[in-house]
Amino acid sequence: MATCKDCKYITPSPTGDPSKGVCIQARSELPKTQKTSTAIKGKMVKKSDEACDKFEGGESWKNIKDLL
């Protein structure tokens, strides 16, 4: 079974903990009156957790330096 660390929606933990990450798969469309079109609701997860039904395989962000 796939784990969260294998999912393209996992990003590095803001705390720097290598065993955790933020899942950003929960997206919603905003009204056209907003400046941005999409809202992203992040959720802290353990990278070793079993992947949810929103799993999409891909290259997750391996390094916080990629964000800088």
N, C-alpha and C. Protein backbone atom coordinates (compact mmCIF):
# COMPACT_ATOMS: atom_id res chain seq x y z
N MET A 1 0.85 -1.19 0.00
CA MET A 1 0.00 0.00 0.00
C MET A 1 0.89 1.24 0.00
N ALA A 2 0.48 2.24 -0.74
CA ALA A 2 1.24 3.49 -0.80
C ALA A 2 1.11 4.26 0.51
N THR A 3 2.12 5.05 0.78
CA THR A 3 2.11 5.90 1.98
C THR A 3 2.10 7.36 1.55
N CYS A 4 1.85 8.25 2.50
CA CYS A 4 1.79 9.68 2.20
C CYS A 4 3.08 10.20 1.58
N LYS A 5 4.23 9.64 1.97
CA LYS A 5 5.49 10.14 1.43
C LYS A 5 5.62 9.89 -0.07
N ASP A 6 4.81 8.97 -0.62
CA ASP A 6 4.85 8.67 -2.05
C ASP A 6 3.89 9.53 -2.86
N CYS A 7 3.15 10.41 -2.20
CA CYS A 7 2.10 11.19 -2.86
C CYS A 7 2.62 12.55 -3.29
N LYS A 8 2.16 13.02 -4.44
CA LYS A 8 2.61 14.31 -4.95
C LYS A 8 2.07 15.48 -4.13
N TYR A 9 1.09 15.24 -3.26
CA TYR A 9 0.49 16.31 -2.47
C TYR A 9 1.17 16.58 -1.14
N ILE A 10 2.24 15.85 -0.82
CA ILE A 10 2.92 16.07 0.46
C ILE A 10 4.02 17.11 0.28
N THR A 11 4.09 18.05 1.22
CA THR A 11 5.13 19.07 1.21
C THR A 11 5.88 18.99 2.54
N PRO A 12 7.05 19.58 2.65
CA PRO A 12 7.82 19.49 3.89
C PRO A 12 7.08 20.10 5.08
N SER A 13 7.32 19.53 6.24
CA SER A 13 6.75 20.05 7.47
C SER A 13 7.35 21.42 7.77
N PRO A 14 6.52 22.40 8.15
CA PRO A 14 7.06 23.71 8.49
C PRO A 14 7.92 23.70 9.75
N THR A 15 7.80 22.63 10.54
CA THR A 15 8.61 22.52 11.76
C THR A 15 9.98 21.91 11.49
N GLY A 16 10.19 21.42 10.26
CA GLY A 16 11.47 20.80 9.92
C GLY A 16 11.56 19.33 10.30
N ASP A 17 10.48 18.75 10.81
CA ASP A 17 10.46 17.34 11.20
C ASP A 17 10.44 16.47 9.94
N PRO A 18 11.49 15.70 9.68
CA PRO A 18 11.55 14.91 8.44
C PRO A 18 10.52 13.78 8.37
N SER A 19 9.92 13.39 9.51
CA SER A 19 8.94 12.30 9.50
C SER A 19 7.52 12.79 9.23
N LYS A 20 7.33 14.11 9.18
CA LYS A 20 6.00 14.67 8.94
C LYS A 20 6.01 15.56 7.72
N GLY A 21 4.83 15.84 7.23
CA GLY A 21 4.68 16.73 6.10
C GLY A 21 3.29 17.34 6.10
N VAL A 22 3.02 18.20 5.14
CA VAL A 22 1.71 18.82 5.03
C VAL A 22 1.05 18.32 3.76
N CYS A 23 -0.15 17.77 3.91
CA CYS A 23 -0.93 17.29 2.78
C CYS A 23 -1.72 18.47 2.23
N ILE A 24 -1.56 18.76 0.93
CA ILE A 24 -2.24 19.92 0.33
C ILE A 24 -3.23 19.49 -0.76
N GLN A 25 -3.79 18.29 -0.63
CA GLN A 25 -4.73 17.81 -1.65
C GLN A 25 -6.11 18.45 -1.52
N ALA A 26 -6.47 18.99 -0.36
CA ALA A 26 -7.80 19.57 -0.17
C ALA A 26 -7.84 20.98 -0.76
N ARG A 27 -8.34 21.07 -1.98
CA ARG A 27 -8.41 22.35 -2.68
C ARG A 27 -9.87 22.68 -2.96
N SER A 28 -10.18 23.95 -2.96
CA SER A 28 -11.54 24.36 -3.30
C SER A 28 -11.49 25.61 -4.18
N GLU A 29 -12.47 25.71 -5.05
CA GLU A 29 -12.56 26.86 -5.94
C GLU A 29 -13.18 28.03 -5.19
N LEU A 30 -12.64 29.23 -5.41
CA LEU A 30 -13.16 30.44 -4.79
C LEU A 30 -14.04 31.20 -5.78
N PRO A 31 -14.89 32.06 -5.26
CA PRO A 31 -15.73 32.87 -6.17
C PRO A 31 -14.86 33.74 -7.08
N LYS A 32 -15.37 34.08 -8.23
CA LYS A 32 -14.62 34.88 -9.20
C LYS A 32 -14.29 36.28 -8.69
N THR A 33 -14.94 36.69 -7.60
CA THR A 33 -14.66 38.02 -7.04
C THR A 33 -13.34 38.04 -6.26
N GLN A 34 -12.77 36.87 -5.98
CA GLN A 34 -11.51 36.78 -5.25
C GLN A 34 -10.32 36.96 -6.20
N LYS A 35 -9.19 37.40 -5.68
CA LYS A 35 -8.00 37.60 -6.51
C LYS A 35 -7.39 36.27 -6.95
N THR A 36 -7.49 35.25 -6.11
CA THR A 36 -6.99 33.93 -6.49
C THR A 36 -8.18 33.00 -6.73
N SER A 37 -7.98 31.97 -7.51
CA SER A 37 -9.09 31.10 -7.88
C SER A 37 -9.21 29.85 -7.02
N THR A 38 -8.12 29.51 -6.29
CA THR A 38 -8.12 28.27 -5.53
C THR A 38 -7.64 28.49 -4.10
N ALA A 39 -8.30 27.84 -3.15
CA ALA A 39 -7.86 27.84 -1.75
C ALA A 39 -7.31 26.46 -1.44
N ILE A 40 -6.20 26.40 -0.71
CA ILE A 40 -5.58 25.12 -0.35
C ILE A 40 -5.60 24.99 1.16
N LYS A 41 -6.21 23.92 1.63
CA LYS A 41 -6.28 23.65 3.07
C LYS A 41 -5.25 22.57 3.39
N GLY A 42 -4.19 22.93 4.10
CA GLY A 42 -3.15 21.97 4.44
C GLY A 42 -3.47 21.21 5.72
N LYS A 43 -3.00 19.97 5.79
CA LYS A 43 -3.22 19.13 6.97
C LYS A 43 -1.92 18.41 7.29
N MET A 44 -1.45 18.51 8.54
CA MET A 44 -0.22 17.84 8.95
C MET A 44 -0.46 16.34 9.00
N VAL A 45 0.44 15.57 8.38
CA VAL A 45 0.35 14.12 8.36
C VAL A 45 1.73 13.52 8.62
N LYS A 46 1.74 12.27 9.05
CA LYS A 46 3.00 11.53 9.14
C LYS A 46 3.27 10.95 7.76
N LYS A 47 4.49 11.06 7.28
CA LYS A 47 4.82 10.56 5.95
C LYS A 47 4.63 9.05 5.84
N SER A 48 4.66 8.35 6.97
CA SER A 48 4.50 6.90 6.96
C SER A 48 3.03 6.47 7.00
N ASP A 49 2.09 7.41 7.11
CA ASP A 49 0.66 7.07 7.13
C ASP A 49 0.26 6.40 5.82
N GLU A 50 -0.73 5.53 5.91
CA GLU A 50 -1.28 4.91 4.71
C GLU A 50 -1.96 5.99 3.87
N ALA A 51 -1.72 5.98 2.59
CA ALA A 51 -2.26 7.01 1.70
C ALA A 51 -3.78 6.97 1.67
N CYS A 52 -4.38 8.15 1.54
CA CYS A 52 -5.84 8.25 1.50
C CYS A 52 -6.37 8.00 0.08
N ASP A 53 -7.67 8.12 -0.09
CA ASP A 53 -8.27 7.88 -1.40
C ASP A 53 -7.98 8.99 -2.42
N LYS A 54 -7.37 10.08 -1.99
CA LYS A 54 -6.98 11.17 -2.88
C LYS A 54 -5.55 11.00 -3.39
N PHE A 55 -4.92 9.88 -3.07
CA PHE A 55 -3.52 9.62 -3.43
C PHE A 55 -3.28 9.76 -4.93
N GLU A 56 -2.21 10.47 -5.25
CA GLU A 56 -1.71 10.52 -6.62
C GLU A 56 -0.21 10.37 -6.53
N GLY A 57 0.30 9.34 -7.15
CA GLY A 57 1.74 9.11 -7.14
C GLY A 57 2.47 10.21 -7.86
N GLY A 58 3.65 10.47 -7.43
CA GLY A 58 4.45 11.51 -8.08
C GLY A 58 5.59 11.93 -7.20
N GLU A 59 6.33 12.88 -7.66
CA GLU A 59 7.49 13.37 -6.93
C GLU A 59 7.04 14.33 -5.84
N SER A 60 7.08 13.91 -4.58
CA SER A 60 6.77 14.82 -3.48
C SER A 60 7.96 15.73 -3.26
N TRP A 61 7.76 16.82 -2.58
CA TRP A 61 8.85 17.76 -2.31
C TRP A 61 9.75 17.16 -1.26
N LYS A 62 10.97 16.87 -1.62
CA LYS A 62 11.87 16.17 -0.72
C LYS A 62 12.61 17.10 0.23
N ASN A 63 12.76 18.37 -0.15
CA ASN A 63 13.66 19.24 0.59
C ASN A 63 13.02 20.62 0.79
N ILE A 64 13.04 21.12 2.00
CA ILE A 64 12.47 22.43 2.31
C ILE A 64 13.18 23.52 1.49
N LYS A 65 14.43 23.30 1.08
CA LYS A 65 15.16 24.29 0.30
C LYS A 65 14.52 24.52 -1.06
N ASP A 66 13.72 23.56 -1.54
CA ASP A 66 13.02 23.72 -2.80
C ASP A 66 11.97 24.82 -2.73
N LEU A 67 11.54 25.14 -1.51
CA LEU A 67 10.52 26.16 -1.33
C LEU A 67 11.10 27.58 -1.28
N LEU A 68 12.38 27.68 -1.01
CA LEU A 68 13.00 29.01 -0.82
C LEU A 68 13.38 29.64 -2.14
